[in-house]
Amino acid sequence: MLSRLKTNGVAVIWGGNYFSDYLPPRMRFLVWDKMAGDFSMASCELAWTNQHKAARIFHYSRGEALQDYKCHPTQKPLALMEWCWRVVGTPRSVLDPFMGSGTMGVVCKRNGVRFIGIEREQRYLDIAIRRIESVNVQEQMQL
């Protein structure tokens, strides 16, 4: 999945390792360690950033991720995106041109940050809208 988080001039591209021929070399990669061991699928996922800082690793098992409202083939867990948010800095706004099920939109809504999401598949757009809109309902229920 290619997604982009724009925060005060910072870009994060999940799956950036697949586009290394097109992206400038940088120090900071974000790594999602799926703690999967010898599993047949990837043991981790990489996100390229344009930051000149040390790489960071997030440990979150694939099993936990599957329990996190998984409905999109390349969906990132909410905990991962919240971690990503903290690592790269607090954004003023976020653009996600490959929004999928709207995980980053949920994080933005929880933190009061402007979010622009783009998704070409109607079924995922509908899911994303419901997930993002549900944030207000959940917050009201907790009051």
Protein backbone atom coordinates (compact mmCIF):
# COMPACT_ATOMS: atom_id res chain seq x y z
CA MET A 1 0.00 0.00 0.00
CA LEU A 2 1.25 3.42 -0.88
CA SER A 3 -0.08 6.07 1.44
CA ARG A 4 1.26 9.49 2.21
CA LEU A 5 1.12 11.41 5.45
CA LYS A 6 1.94 15.08 5.04
CA THR A 7 2.92 16.79 8.28
CA ASN A 8 4.77 20.10 8.38
CA GLY A 9 6.64 19.13 5.23
CA VAL A 10 7.13 15.51 6.30
CA ALA A 11 6.06 12.72 3.97
CA VAL A 12 5.53 9.08 4.94
CA ILE A 13 5.02 6.49 2.21
CA TRP A 14 4.08 2.98 3.32
CA GLY A 15 5.54 0.47 0.91
CA GLY A 16 8.24 3.00 0.08
CA ASN A 17 10.79 0.20 -0.23
CA TYR A 18 9.00 -0.83 -3.46
CA PHE A 19 9.61 2.66 -4.88
CA SER A 20 13.25 3.09 -3.92
CA ASP A 21 14.19 3.85 -7.54
CA TYR A 22 11.90 6.90 -7.44
CA LEU A 23 12.46 8.24 -3.92
CA PRO A 24 15.53 10.08 -2.69
CA PRO A 25 17.69 8.23 -0.15
CA ARG A 26 16.86 9.09 3.46
CA MET A 27 17.85 7.76 6.86
CA ARG A 28 14.46 7.36 8.47
CA PHE A 29 12.42 4.35 7.59
CA LEU A 30 9.54 3.33 9.82
CA VAL A 31 9.32 -0.42 10.30
CA TRP A 32 6.24 -2.35 11.37
CA ASP A 33 7.55 -5.61 12.83
CA LYS A 34 4.61 -8.03 12.57
CA MET A 35 6.30 -10.44 14.98
CA ALA A 36 5.38 -13.24 12.58
CA GLY A 37 8.55 -15.33 12.65
CA ASP A 38 8.65 -17.81 9.79
CA PHE A 39 5.23 -16.88 8.44
CA SER A 40 4.88 -17.16 4.65
CA MET A 41 3.98 -13.48 4.22
CA ALA A 42 6.21 -10.48 4.99
CA SER A 43 7.56 -10.29 8.53
CA CYS A 44 7.54 -6.51 8.41
CA GLU A 45 6.41 -3.50 6.37
CA LEU A 46 8.50 -0.43 5.63
CA ALA A 47 7.56 3.20 5.27
CA TRP A 48 9.91 5.70 3.65
CA THR A 49 10.04 9.17 5.16
CA ASN A 50 11.81 12.30 4.01
CA GLN A 51 13.16 12.89 7.52
CA HIS A 52 16.88 12.93 8.28
CA LYS A 53 16.53 11.06 11.57
CA ALA A 54 17.15 7.54 12.83
CA ALA A 55 14.92 4.68 11.70
CA ARG A 56 12.24 3.47 14.13
CA ILE A 57 10.56 0.07 14.68
CA PHE A 58 7.02 -0.63 15.88
CA HIS A 59 6.35 -4.13 17.23
CA TYR A 60 2.73 -5.20 16.77
CA SER A 61 1.75 -8.75 15.96
CA ARG A 62 -0.13 -9.68 12.85
CA GLY A 63 -2.65 -11.45 15.10
CA GLU A 64 -3.40 -8.21 16.97
CA ALA A 65 -3.67 -6.37 13.66
CA LEU A 66 -6.28 -8.81 12.37
CA GLN A 67 -8.48 -7.96 15.36
CA ASP A 68 -8.35 -4.25 14.53
CA TYR A 69 -11.44 -3.91 12.31
CA LYS A 70 -9.59 -5.47 9.35
CA CYS A 71 -11.58 -5.07 6.14
CA HIS A 72 -9.00 -3.95 3.54
CA PRO A 73 -6.20 -6.16 2.14
CA THR A 74 -3.41 -3.69 2.98
CA GLN A 75 -5.03 -2.05 6.00
CA LYS A 76 -2.70 -0.75 8.67
CA PRO A 77 -3.66 -1.18 12.34
CA LEU A 78 -4.92 1.84 14.23
CA ALA A 79 -2.14 1.42 16.81
CA LEU A 80 0.48 1.54 14.03
CA MET A 81 -0.88 4.74 12.53
CA GLU A 82 -1.10 6.38 15.96
CA TRP A 83 2.55 5.42 16.56
CA CYS A 84 3.50 6.77 13.14
CA TRP A 85 1.73 10.02 14.04
CA ARG A 86 3.80 10.40 17.22
CA VAL A 87 7.12 9.49 15.56
CA VAL A 88 6.96 11.96 12.65
CA GLY A 89 5.49 14.88 14.60
CA THR A 90 2.11 16.48 15.08
CA PRO A 91 0.63 17.41 11.71
CA ARG A 92 -1.54 20.42 10.87
CA SER A 93 -3.23 18.42 8.13
CA VAL A 94 -2.98 14.98 6.54
CA LEU A 95 -3.42 13.90 2.93
CA ASP A 96 -3.97 10.19 2.34
CA PRO A 97 -4.45 9.60 -1.40
CA PHE A 98 -4.88 5.84 -0.87
CA MET A 99 -7.24 5.96 2.11
CA GLY A 100 -8.56 2.40 2.04
CA SER A 101 -10.73 1.87 5.12
CA GLY A 102 -9.79 5.24 6.64
CA THR A 103 -7.48 4.31 9.51
CA MET A 104 -5.48 7.55 9.24
CA GLY A 105 -8.75 9.50 9.06
CA VAL A 106 -9.79 7.98 12.40
CA VAL A 107 -6.47 9.05 13.97
CA CYS A 108 -6.88 12.58 12.59
CA LYS A 109 -10.46 12.88 13.79
CA ARG A 110 -9.45 11.75 17.30
CA ASN A 111 -6.76 14.43 17.36
CA GLY A 112 -8.72 17.29 15.77
CA VAL A 113 -6.54 17.50 12.66
CA ARG A 114 -7.79 18.27 9.15
CA PHE A 115 -7.89 15.12 7.01
CA ILE A 116 -8.23 14.73 3.26
CA GLY A 117 -8.66 11.15 2.10
CA ILE A 118 -8.99 9.80 -1.42
CA GLU A 119 -10.22 6.31 -2.26
CA ARG A 120 -11.23 5.05 -5.70
CA GLU A 121 -13.19 1.97 -4.61
CA GLN A 122 -16.68 2.86 -3.41
CA ARG A 123 -16.96 -0.03 -0.93
CA TYR A 124 -13.83 1.08 0.92
CA LEU A 125 -14.83 4.74 0.73
CA ASP A 126 -18.16 3.84 2.39
CA ILE A 127 -16.35 1.91 5.14
CA ALA A 128 -13.91 4.80 5.69
CA ILE A 129 -16.70 7.35 5.98
CA ARG A 130 -18.54 5.20 8.56
CA ARG A 131 -15.35 4.63 10.57
CA ILE A 132 -14.36 8.30 10.61
CA GLU A 133 -17.88 9.49 11.43
CA SER A 134 -18.14 6.95 14.26
CA VAL A 135 -15.33 8.71 16.14
CA ASN A 136 -17.73 11.49 17.25
CA VAL A 137 -20.34 8.96 18.34
CA GLN A 138 -17.79 7.03 20.42
CA GLU A 139 -16.51 10.23 22.05
CA GLN A 140 -20.04 11.31 22.99
CA MET A 141 -20.75 7.88 24.51
CA GLN A 142 -17.65 8.19 26.73
CA LEU A 143 -18.73 11.54 28.22
